[in-house]
Protein backbone atom coordinates (compact mmCIF):
# COMPACT_ATOMS: atom_id res chain seq x y z
CA MET A 1 0.00 0.00 0.00
CA GLY A 2 2.90 2.36 0.54
CA ARG A 3 2.94 5.46 2.69
CA GLN A 4 -0.76 6.31 2.75
CA CYS A 5 -3.34 6.89 5.48
CA GLU A 6 -6.00 4.15 5.57
CA VAL A 7 -8.71 6.59 6.68
CA SER A 8 -8.11 9.99 5.07
CA GLY A 9 -6.07 8.83 2.08
CA LYS A 10 -3.23 11.27 2.70
CA LYS A 11 -0.08 10.25 0.85
CA THR A 12 3.32 11.55 -0.21
CA SER A 13 3.19 14.81 -2.19
CA PHE A 14 5.96 16.52 -4.10
CA GLY A 15 7.26 20.06 -4.36
CA ASN A 16 10.37 22.19 -4.72
CA HIS A 17 13.09 23.24 -2.32
CA VAL A 18 14.21 26.73 -3.36
CA THR A 19 17.65 27.90 -2.23
CA THR A 20 18.16 31.68 -2.00
CA ARG A 21 21.14 33.88 -1.37
CA GLY A 22 21.57 37.57 -0.66
CA LYS A 23 20.24 40.29 1.58
CA ALA A 24 16.65 41.50 1.36
CA LYS A 25 16.05 44.97 -0.12
CA TYR A 26 14.22 46.21 2.96
CA LEU A 27 17.35 45.39 4.97
CA GLY A 28 19.56 47.45 2.66
CA GLY A 29 20.69 44.75 0.24
CA VAL A 30 20.16 44.33 -3.48
CA GLY A 31 17.57 41.58 -3.04
CA THR A 32 17.56 37.82 -2.70
CA LYS A 33 18.41 35.64 -5.70
CA CYS A 34 17.33 32.08 -6.41
CA THR A 35 20.47 29.95 -6.61
CA GLY A 36 18.91 26.52 -6.98
CA ILE A 37 15.69 24.55 -7.20
CA SER A 38 15.59 20.87 -6.33
CA ARG A 39 12.71 18.43 -5.95
CA ARG A 40 11.63 17.25 -2.51
CA THR A 41 8.89 15.14 -0.95
CA PHE A 42 6.36 15.96 1.75
CA GLN A 43 5.67 12.83 3.81
CA PRO A 44 2.45 12.44 5.84
CA ASN A 45 2.91 11.89 9.56
CA LEU A 46 1.62 8.32 9.83
CA GLN A 47 1.27 6.38 13.06
CA ARG A 48 0.37 2.71 13.49
CA ILE A 49 -2.26 2.53 16.21
CA HIS A 50 -4.26 -0.27 17.80
CA ILE A 51 -7.98 0.62 17.97
CA TRP A 52 -11.27 -0.85 19.17
CA LEU A 53 -13.90 -1.50 16.50
CA PRO A 54 -17.67 -1.31 17.11
CA ASN A 55 -18.04 -5.09 16.80
CA GLY A 56 -15.80 -5.54 19.86
CA THR A 57 -12.62 -6.59 18.04
CA THR A 58 -9.34 -4.73 17.80
CA THR A 59 -7.17 -3.98 14.80
CA HIS A 60 -4.03 -2.11 13.81
CA VAL A 61 -4.45 0.77 11.38
CA ARG A 62 -1.93 3.16 9.86
CA VAL A 63 -3.42 6.65 10.09
CA ALA A 64 -2.29 10.27 9.87
CA THR A 65 -2.00 12.27 13.08
CA SER A 66 -4.73 14.62 11.85
CA VAL A 67 -7.15 11.66 12.01
CA ILE A 68 -6.01 10.84 15.54
CA ARG A 69 -6.55 14.46 16.63
CA SER A 70 -10.05 14.58 15.09
CA GLY A 71 -11.14 11.69 17.34
CA LYS A 72 -13.42 10.11 14.71
CA ILE A 73 -12.56 7.35 12.29
CA THR A 74 -14.40 5.98 9.23
CA LEU A 75 -13.60 2.38 8.32
CA GLU A 76 -15.29 -0.59 6.71
CA VAL A 77 -16.37 -2.95 9.51
CA ASP A 78 -18.21 -6.19 8.68
CA GLY A 79 -18.88 -5.02 5.12
CA LYS A 80 -20.37 -1.66 6.20
CA VAL A 81 -18.63 1.73 6.19
CA GLN A 82 -19.04 3.20 9.67
CA THR A 83 -17.93 6.36 11.43
CA PHE A 84 -17.18 5.85 15.10
CA PRO A 85 -15.16 7.50 17.86
CA LEU A 86 -11.49 6.62 17.91
CA ILE A 87 -10.61 4.67 21.06
CA LYS A 88 -7.05 3.41 21.31
CA ALA A 89 -6.99 -0.18 22.48
CA SER A 90 -4.06 0.43 24.78
CA LYS A 91 -5.85 3.30 26.54
CA GLY A 92 -9.51 2.36 26.09
CA SER A 93 -11.16 1.48 29.37
CA ALA A 94 -13.84 -1.17 29.72
CA LYS A 95 -16.37 1.64 30.18
CA ALA A 96 -15.34 3.24 26.88
CA ARG A 97 -15.62 -0.09 25.07
CA THR A 98 -19.14 -0.73 26.39
CA GLU A 99 -20.20 2.79 25.36
CA LEU A 100 -18.84 2.15 21.89
CA LYS A 101 -20.77 -1.13 21.64
CA ASN A 102 -23.98 0.59 22.80
CA LEU A 103 -23.59 3.41 20.27
CA TYR A 104 -22.85 1.11 17.33
CA PRO A 105 -24.60 -2.25 17.76
CA ILE A 106 -23.52 -5.08 15.48
């Protein structure tokens, strides 16, 4: 699958790294000049997390940190696409798991 978020679809994007030299005009110089342009990549910040699913099972997913911060996750569970609150399996209490099961019955 490569470096791509399983939820939001964020993946590697490409751009330019521009190298400049000189002193800005407003600082008394003659202006900055572009001395080189090279290609670069922008990598998404992906984390592999262990989460609770609404059907009571756990799974590992590779998601971007923006998805983790949002607190909601949309995945296909048992053939249905569902949006549910993100509860990390390592930190999810029994109370949180029962609430998740009550909100999203199988």
